[in-house]
Amino acid sequence: MNVIVYATNHNPECNILRKFLRDYEIAYELRNCSTHPDYFVDVKAYGFLGVPVTVINGKAIQGLKPDEIIKELEKEKTPGQ
């Protein structure tokens, strides 16, 4: 499963999202927009203007939405969906 998180260093939602992913032992690739502002191009390409953005196998979820993230991860685990 491919999980990418676009985030910044000092955004409270980004920090809470990363803690949530760590607590639930969800492996992810962090794309830090603070240290690499060019990542904002990707965020805009998904149709969003801000972070956090979590991308799970190509589906982008904007904001701090743990229930939606878990739902998408479960969908990816279930064959035939």
PDB file of N, CA and C in Angstrom:
ATOM      1  N   MET A   1       0.848  -1.170   0.000  1.00  0.00           N
ATOM      2  CA  MET A   1       0.000   0.000   0.000  1.00  0.00           C
ATOM      3  C   MET A   1       0.897   1.238   0.000  1.00  0.00           C
ATOM      4  N   ASN A   2       0.501   2.218  -0.775  1.00  0.00           N
ATOM      5  CA  ASN A   2       1.296   3.424  -0.923  1.00  0.00           C
ATOM      6  C   ASN A   2       0.575   4.590  -0.252  1.00  0.00           C
ATOM      7  N   VAL A   3       1.139   5.107   0.849  1.00  0.00           N
ATOM      8  CA  VAL A   3       0.563   6.246   1.560  1.00  0.00           C
ATOM      9  C   VAL A   3       1.588   7.375   1.554  1.00  0.00           C
ATOM     10  N   ILE A   4       1.154   8.543   1.062  1.00  0.00           N
ATOM     11  CA  ILE A   4       2.007   9.730   1.018  1.00  0.00           C
ATOM     12  C   ILE A   4       1.301  10.825   1.792  1.00  0.00           C
ATOM     13  N   VAL A   5       2.049  11.543   2.624  1.00  0.00           N
ATOM     14  CA  VAL A   5       1.501  12.666   3.369  1.00  0.00           C
ATOM     15  C   VAL A   5       2.260  13.925   2.979  1.00  0.00           C
ATOM     16  N   TYR A   6       1.517  14.905   2.479  1.00  0.00           N
ATOM     17  CA  TYR A   6       2.065  16.234   2.216  1.00  0.00           C
ATOM     18  C   TYR A   6       1.765  17.066   3.450  1.00  0.00           C
ATOM     19  N   ALA A   7       2.808  17.654   4.039  1.00  0.00           N
ATOM     20  CA  ALA A   7       2.643  18.370   5.299  1.00  0.00           C
ATOM     21  C   ALA A   7       3.682  19.486   5.417  1.00  0.00           C
ATOM     22  N   THR A   8       3.469  20.327   6.417  1.00  0.00           N
ATOM     23  CA  THR A   8       4.463  21.346   6.772  1.00  0.00           C
ATOM     24  C   THR A   8       4.868  21.120   8.224  1.00  0.00           C
ATOM     25  N   ASN A   9       5.941  21.786   8.626  1.00  0.00           N
ATOM     26  CA  ASN A   9       6.492  21.580   9.968  1.00  0.00           C
ATOM     27  C   ASN A   9       5.625  22.151  11.085  1.00  0.00           C
ATOM     28  N   HIS A  10       5.056  23.319  10.888  1.00  0.00           N
ATOM     29  CA  HIS A  10       4.437  24.038  12.006  1.00  0.00           C
ATOM     30  C   HIS A  10       2.926  24.121  11.911  1.00  0.00           C
ATOM     31  N   ASN A  11       2.304  23.220  11.166  1.00  0.00           N
ATOM     32  CA  ASN A  11       0.856  23.188  11.045  1.00  0.00           C
ATOM     33  C   ASN A  11       0.323  22.174  12.049  1.00  0.00           C
ATOM     34  N   PRO A  12      -0.538  22.617  12.993  1.00  0.00           N
ATOM     35  CA  PRO A  12      -1.042  21.689  14.010  1.00  0.00           C
ATOM     36  C   PRO A  12      -1.752  20.467  13.422  1.00  0.00           C
ATOM     37  N   GLU A  13      -2.556  20.653  12.367  1.00  0.00           N
ATOM     38  CA  GLU A  13      -3.241  19.518  11.757  1.00  0.00           C
ATOM     39  C   GLU A  13      -2.248  18.508  11.188  1.00  0.00           C
ATOM     40  N   CYS A  14      -1.182  19.012  10.580  1.00  0.00           N
ATOM     41  CA  CYS A  14      -0.153  18.121  10.019  1.00  0.00           C
ATOM     42  C   CYS A  14       0.500  17.303  11.128  1.00  0.00           C
ATOM     43  N   ASN A  15       0.808  17.964  12.241  1.00  0.00           N
ATOM     44  CA  ASN A  15       1.455  17.272  13.360  1.00  0.00           C
ATOM     45  C   ASN A  15       0.537  16.210  13.961  1.00  0.00           C
ATOM     46  N   ILE A  16      -0.748  16.534  14.103  1.00  0.00           N
ATOM     47  CA  ILE A  16      -1.708  15.567  14.648  1.00  0.00           C
ATOM     48  C   ILE A  16      -1.868  14.390  13.690  1.00  0.00           C
ATOM     49  N   LEU A  17      -1.929  14.670  12.389  1.00  0.00           N
ATOM     50  CA  LEU A  17      -2.060  13.602  11.396  1.00  0.00           C
ATOM     51  C   LEU A  17      -0.868  12.652  11.446  1.00  0.00           C
ATOM     52  N   ARG A  18       0.330  13.200  11.513  1.00  0.00           N
ATOM     53  CA  ARG A  18       1.521  12.340  11.571  1.00  0.00           C
ATOM     54  C   ARG A  18       1.516  11.499  12.846  1.00  0.00           C
ATOM     55  N   LYS A  19       1.091  12.088  13.970  1.00  0.00           N
ATOM     56  CA  LYS A  19       1.009  11.329  15.220  1.00  0.00           C
ATOM     57  C   LYS A  19      -0.035  10.211  15.096  1.00  0.00           C
ATOM     58  N   PHE A  20      -1.168  10.526  14.491  1.00  0.00           N
ATOM     59  CA  PHE A  20      -2.204   9.517  14.266  1.00  0.00           C
ATOM     60  C   PHE A  20      -1.655   8.339  13.459  1.00  0.00           C
ATOM     61  N   LEU A  21      -0.952   8.635  12.378  1.00  0.00           N
ATOM     62  CA  LEU A  21      -0.392   7.572  11.527  1.00  0.00           C
ATOM     63  C   LEU A  21       0.643   6.740  12.282  1.00  0.00           C
ATOM     64  N   ARG A  22       1.481   7.402  13.072  1.00  0.00           N
ATOM     65  CA  ARG A  22       2.463   6.666  13.881  1.00  0.00           C
ATOM     66  C   ARG A  22       1.765   5.788  14.916  1.00  0.00           C
ATOM     67  N   ASP A  23       0.765   6.362  15.612  1.00  0.00           N
ATOM     68  CA  ASP A  23       0.053   5.613  16.657  1.00  0.00           C
ATOM     69  C   ASP A  23      -0.616   4.364  16.102  1.00  0.00           C
ATOM     70  N   TYR A  24      -1.126   4.442  14.886  1.00  0.00           N
ATOM     71  CA  TYR A  24      -1.792   3.304  14.252  1.00  0.00           C
ATOM     72  C   TYR A  24      -0.844   2.471  13.398  1.00  0.00           C
ATOM     73  N   GLU A  25       0.453   2.796  13.490  1.00  0.00           N
ATOM     74  CA  GLU A  25       1.505   2.058  12.786  1.00  0.00           C
ATOM     75  C   GLU A  25       1.226   1.949  11.286  1.00  0.00           C
ATOM     76  N   ILE A  26       0.811   3.082  10.714  1.00  0.00           N
ATOM     77  CA  ILE A  26       0.568   3.161   9.281  1.00  0.00           C
ATOM     78  C   ILE A  26       1.820   3.759   8.643  1.00  0.00           C
ATOM     79  N   ALA A  27       2.477   2.964   7.822  1.00  0.00           N
ATOM     80  CA  ALA A  27       3.697   3.427   7.151  1.00  0.00           C
ATOM     81  C   ALA A  27       3.320   4.455   6.088  1.00  0.00           C
ATOM     82  N   TYR A  28       4.114   5.517   6.007  1.00  0.00           N
ATOM     83  CA  TYR A  28       3.838   6.556   5.027  1.00  0.00           C
ATOM     84  C   TYR A  28       5.129   7.246   4.612  1.00  0.00           C
ATOM     85  N   GLU A  29       5.066   7.855   3.450  1.00  0.00           N
ATOM     86  CA  GLU A  29       6.167   8.692   2.962  1.00  0.00           C
ATOM     87  C   GLU A  29       5.781  10.141   3.239  1.00  0.00           C
ATOM     88  N   LEU A  30       6.640  10.854   3.942  1.00  0.00           N
ATOM     89  CA  LEU A  30       6.393  12.265   4.233  1.00  0.00           C
ATOM     90  C   LEU A  30       6.993  13.129   3.134  1.00  0.00           C
ATOM     91  N   ARG A  31       6.172  13.990   2.571  1.00  0.00           N
ATOM     92  CA  ARG A  31       6.650  14.986   1.614  1.00  0.00           C
ATOM     93  C   ARG A  31       6.476  16.344   2.290  1.00  0.00           C
ATOM     94  N   ASN A  32       7.585  16.807   2.846  1.00  0.00           N
ATOM     95  CA  ASN A  32       7.583  18.017   3.666  1.00  0.00           C
ATOM     96  C   ASN A  32       7.620  19.259   2.778  1.00  0.00           C
ATOM     97  N   CYS A  33       6.514  19.973   2.780  1.00  0.00           N
ATOM     98  CA  CYS A  33       6.391  21.187   1.959  1.00  0.00           C
ATOM     99  C   CYS A  33       7.161  22.363   2.557  1.00  0.00           C
ATOM    100  N   SER A  34       7.556  22.272   3.830  1.00  0.00           N
ATOM    101  CA  SER A  34       8.368  23.329   4.439  1.00  0.00           C
ATOM    102  C   SER A  34       9.784  23.304   3.897  1.00  0.00           C
ATOM    103  N   THR A  35      10.337  22.122   3.756  1.00  0.00           N
ATOM    104  CA  THR A  35      11.712  21.998   3.279  1.00  0.00           C
ATOM    105  C   THR A  35      11.795  21.858   1.760  1.00  0.00           C
ATOM    106  N   HIS A  36      10.690  21.461   1.131  1.00  0.00           N
ATOM    107  CA  HIS A  36      10.627  21.312  -0.332  1.00  0.00           C
ATOM    108  C   HIS A  36       9.340  21.966  -0.844  1.00  0.00           C
ATOM    109  N   PRO A  37       9.331  23.288  -0.975  1.00  0.00           N
ATOM    110  CA  PRO A  37       8.114  23.994  -1.400  1.00  0.00           C
ATOM    111  C   PRO A  37       7.566  23.530  -2.748  1.00  0.00           C
ATOM    112  N   ASP A  38       8.415  22.900  -3.558  1.00  0.00           N
ATOM    113  CA  ASP A  38       7.946  22.399  -4.852  1.00  0.00           C
ATOM    114  C   ASP A  38       6.881  21.308  -4.691  1.00  0.00           C
ATOM    115  N   TYR A  39       6.773  20.699  -3.510  1.00  0.00           N
ATOM    116  CA  TYR A  39       5.721  19.710  -3.272  1.00  0.00           C
ATOM    117  C   TYR A  39       4.325  20.340  -3.323  1.00  0.00           C
ATOM    118  N   PHE A  40       4.242  21.667  -3.109  1.00  0.00           N
ATOM    119  CA  PHE A  40       2.943  22.334  -3.203  1.00  0.00           C
ATOM    120  C   PHE A  40       2.359  22.213  -4.617  1.00  0.00           C
ATOM    121  N   VAL A  41       3.201  22.029  -5.620  1.00  0.00           N
ATOM    122  CA  VAL A  41       2.726  21.802  -6.988  1.00  0.00           C
ATOM    123  C   VAL A  41       1.889  20.523  -7.024  1.00  0.00           C
ATOM    124  N   ASP A  42       2.374  19.480  -6.336  1.00  0.00           N
ATOM    125  CA  ASP A  42       1.623  18.224  -6.262  1.00  0.00           C
ATOM    126  C   ASP A  42       0.294  18.424  -5.536  1.00  0.00           C
ATOM    127  N   VAL A  43       0.336  19.161  -4.422  1.00  0.00           N
ATOM    128  CA  VAL A  43      -0.881  19.424  -3.635  1.00  0.00           C
ATOM    129  C   VAL A  43      -1.918  20.115  -4.521  1.00  0.00           C
ATOM    130  N   LYS A  44      -1.484  21.113  -5.273  1.00  0.00           N
ATOM    131  CA  LYS A  44      -2.401  21.832  -6.164  1.00  0.00           C
ATOM    132  C   LYS A  44      -2.919  20.922  -7.272  1.00  0.00           C
ATOM    133  N   ALA A  45      -2.079  20.006  -7.755  1.00  0.00           N
ATOM    134  CA  ALA A  45      -2.502  19.076  -8.803  1.00  0.00           C
ATOM    135  C   ALA A  45      -3.629  18.154  -8.311  1.00  0.00           C
ATOM    136  N   TYR A  46      -3.663  17.874  -7.017  1.00  0.00           N
ATOM    137  CA  TYR A  46      -4.751  17.082  -6.443  1.00  0.00           C
ATOM    138  C   TYR A  46      -6.007  17.928  -6.210  1.00  0.00           C
ATOM    139  N   GLY A  47      -5.894  19.243  -6.436  1.00  0.00           N
ATOM    140  CA  GLY A  47      -7.043  20.126  -6.308  1.00  0.00           C
ATOM    141  C   GLY A  47      -7.155  20.826  -4.975  1.00  0.00           C
ATOM    142  N   PHE A  48      -6.066  20.845  -4.196  1.00  0.00           N
ATOM    143  CA  PHE A  48      -6.100  21.467  -2.877  1.00  0.00           C
ATOM    144  C   PHE A  48      -5.114  22.630  -2.798  1.00  0.00           C
ATOM    145  N   LEU A  49      -5.383  23.539  -1.874  1.00  0.00           N
ATOM    146  CA  LEU A  49      -4.508  24.696  -1.694  1.00  0.00           C
ATOM    147  C   LEU A  49      -3.683  24.621  -0.417  1.00  0.00           C
ATOM    148  N   GLY A  50      -3.996  23.674   0.443  1.00  0.00           N
ATOM    149  CA  GLY A  50      -3.277  23.582   1.707  1.00  0.00           C
ATOM    150  C   GLY A  50      -3.054  22.150   2.137  1.00  0.00           C
ATOM    151  N   VAL A  51      -2.296  22.015   3.207  1.00  0.00           N
ATOM    152  CA  VAL A  51      -1.954  20.720   3.771  1.00  0.00           C
ATOM    153  C   VAL A  51      -2.578  20.594   5.156  1.00  0.00           C
ATOM    154  N   PRO A  52      -2.720  19.407   5.669  1.00  0.00           N
ATOM    155  CA  PRO A  52      -2.191  18.141   5.178  1.00  0.00           C
ATOM    156  C   PRO A  52      -3.048  17.537   4.067  1.00  0.00           C
ATOM    157  N   VAL A  53      -2.380  16.774   3.221  1.00  0.00           N
ATOM    158  CA  VAL A  53      -3.041  15.973   2.201  1.00  0.00           C
ATOM    159  C   VAL A  53      -2.452  14.572   2.310  1.00  0.00           C
ATOM    160  N   THR A  54      -3.328  13.595   2.471  1.00  0.00           N
ATOM    161  CA  THR A  54      -2.918  12.196   2.541  1.00  0.00           C
ATOM    162  C   THR A  54      -3.346  11.522   1.240  1.00  0.00           C
ATOM    163  N   VAL A  55      -2.413  10.881   0.578  1.00  0.00           N
ATOM    164  CA  VAL A  55      -2.706  10.192  -0.680  1.00  0.00           C
ATOM    165  C   VAL A  55      -2.513   8.700  -0.452  1.00  0.00           C
ATOM    166  N   ILE A  56      -3.603   7.949  -0.664  1.00  0.00           N
ATOM    167  CA  ILE A  56      -3.575   6.499  -0.472  1.00  0.00           C
ATOM    168  C   ILE A  56      -3.833   5.853  -1.822  1.00  0.00           C
ATOM    169  N   ASN A  57      -2.782   5.252  -2.373  1.00  0.00           N
ATOM    170  CA  ASN A  57      -2.873   4.616  -3.693  1.00  0.00           C
ATOM    171  C   ASN A  57      -3.555   5.517  -4.716  1.00  0.00           C
ATOM    172  N   GLY A  58      -3.185   6.793  -4.723  1.00  0.00           N
ATOM    173  CA  GLY A  58      -3.675   7.738  -5.716  1.00  0.00           C
ATOM    174  C   GLY A  58      -4.893   8.537  -5.309  1.00  0.00           C
ATOM    175  N   LYS A  59      -5.595   8.160  -4.244  1.00  0.00           N
ATOM    176  CA  LYS A  59      -6.764   8.914  -3.779  1.00  0.00           C
ATOM    177  C   LYS A  59      -6.322   9.916  -2.722  1.00  0.00           C
ATOM    178  N   ALA A  60      -6.605  11.193  -2.971  1.00  0.00           N
ATOM    179  CA  ALA A  60      -6.184  12.267  -2.073  1.00  0.00           C
ATOM    180  C   ALA A  60      -7.289  12.617  -1.077  1.00  0.00           C
ATOM    181  N   ILE A  61      -6.874  12.759   0.186  1.00  0.00           N
ATOM    182  CA  ILE A  61      -7.775  13.171   1.265  1.00  0.00           C
ATOM    183  C   ILE A  61      -7.162  14.405   1.902  1.00  0.00           C
ATOM    184  N   GLN A  62      -7.893  15.524   1.861  1.00  0.00           N
ATOM    185  CA  GLN A  62      -7.368  16.782   2.392  1.00  0.00           C
ATOM    186  C   GLN A  62      -7.826  16.976   3.828  1.00  0.00           C
ATOM    187  N   GLY A  63      -6.908  17.429   4.658  1.00  0.00           N
ATOM    188  CA  GLY A  63      -7.244  17.760   6.038  1.00  0.00           C
ATOM    189  C   GLY A  63      -7.031  16.615   7.002  1.00  0.00           C
ATOM    190  N   LEU A  64      -7.468  16.857   8.211  1.00  0.00           N
ATOM    191  CA  LEU A  64      -7.333  15.883   9.300  1.00  0.00           C
ATOM    192  C   LEU A  64      -8.621  15.072   9.362  1.00  0.00           C
ATOM    193  N   LYS A  65      -8.640  13.950   8.652  1.00  0.00           N
ATOM    194  CA  LYS A  65      -9.840  13.115   8.550  1.00  0.00           C
ATOM    195  C   LYS A  65      -9.475  11.650   8.814  1.00  0.00           C
ATOM    196  N   PRO A  66      -9.185  11.327  10.076  1.00  0.00           N
ATOM    197  CA  PRO A  66      -8.754   9.963  10.396  1.00  0.00           C
ATOM    198  C   PRO A  66      -9.755   8.884   9.981  1.00  0.00           C
ATOM    199  N   ASP A  67     -11.058   9.142  10.159  1.00  0.00           N
ATOM    200  CA  ASP A  67     -12.060   8.137   9.800  1.00  0.00           C
ATOM    201  C   ASP A  67     -12.021   7.839   8.305  1.00  0.00           C
ATOM    202  N   GLU A  68     -11.880   8.887   7.498  1.00  0.00           N
ATOM    203  CA  GLU A  68     -11.821   8.704   6.047  1.00  0.00           C
ATOM    204  C   GLU A  68     -10.543   7.966   5.637  1.00  0.00           C
ATOM    205  N   ILE A  69      -9.445   8.279   6.322  1.00  0.00           N
ATOM    206  CA  ILE A  69      -8.171   7.608   6.030  1.00  0.00           C
ATOM    207  C   ILE A  69      -8.270   6.119   6.360  1.00  0.00           C
ATOM    208  N   ILE A  70      -8.797   5.800   7.534  1.00  0.00           N
ATOM    209  CA  ILE A  70      -8.965   4.392   7.934  1.00  0.00           C
ATOM    210  C   ILE A  70      -9.883   3.675   6.949  1.00  0.00           C
ATOM    211  N   LYS A  71     -10.975   4.311   6.568  1.00  0.00           N
ATOM    212  CA  LYS A  71     -11.918   3.709   5.617  1.00  0.00           C
ATOM    213  C   LYS A  71     -11.224   3.388   4.295  1.00  0.00           C
ATOM    214  N   GLU A  72     -10.420   4.326   3.798  1.00  0.00           N
ATOM    215  CA  GLU A  72      -9.716   4.106   2.538  1.00  0.00           C
ATOM    216  C   GLU A  72      -8.681   2.994   2.674  1.00  0.00           C
ATOM    217  N   LEU A  73      -7.983   2.951   3.802  1.00  0.00           N
ATOM    218  CA  LEU A  73      -6.996   1.881   4.027  1.00  0.00           C
ATOM    219  C   LEU A  73      -7.686   0.521   4.091  1.00  0.00           C
ATOM    220  N   GLU A  74      -8.832   0.446   4.740  1.00  0.00           N
ATOM    221  CA  GLU A  74      -9.577  -0.815   4.838  1.00  0.00           C
ATOM    222  C   GLU A  74     -10.064  -1.248   3.456  1.00  0.00           C
ATOM    223  N   LYS A  75     -10.503  -0.288   2.649  1.00  0.00           N
ATOM    224  CA  LYS A  75     -10.965  -0.589   1.298  1.00  0.00           C
ATOM    225  C   LYS A  75      -9.830  -1.195   0.478  1.00  0.00           C
ATOM    226  N   GLU A  76      -8.622  -0.685   0.674  1.00  0.00           N
ATOM    227  CA  GLU A  76      -7.470  -1.186  -0.072  1.00  0.00           C
ATOM    228  C   GLU A  76      -7.106  -2.603   0.351  1.00  0.00           C
ATOM    229  N   LYS A  77      -7.431  -2.972   1.590  1.00  0.00           N
ATOM    230  CA  LYS A  77      -7.124  -4.317   2.086  1.00  0.00           C
ATOM    231  C   LYS A  77      -8.132  -5.346   1.614  1.00  0.00           C
ATOM    232  N   THR A  78      -9.351  -4.901   1.262  1.00  0.00           N
ATOM    233  CA  THR A  78     -10.432  -5.814   0.895  1.00  0.00           C
ATOM    234  C   THR A  78     -10.379  -6.098  -0.599  1.00  0.00           C
ATOM    235  N   PRO A  79     -10.165  -7.345  -0.974  1.00  0.00           N
ATOM    236  CA  PRO A  79     -10.106  -7.682  -2.401  1.00  0.00           C
ATOM    237  C   PRO A  79     -11.459  -7.481  -3.081  1.00  0.00           C
ATOM    238  N   GLY A  80     -11.397  -7.093  -4.343  1.00  0.00           N
ATOM    239  CA  GLY A  80     -12.608  -6.965  -5.127  1.00  0.00           C
ATOM    240  C   GLY A  80     -13.321  -5.644  -5.020  1.00  0.00           C
ATOM    241  N   GLN A  81     -12.747  -4.681  -4.308  1.00  0.00           N
ATOM    242  CA  GLN A  81     -13.404  -3.378  -4.195  1.00  0.00           C
ATOM    243  C   GLN A  81     -12.615  -2.327  -4.905  1.00  0.00           C
TER     244      GLN A  81
END
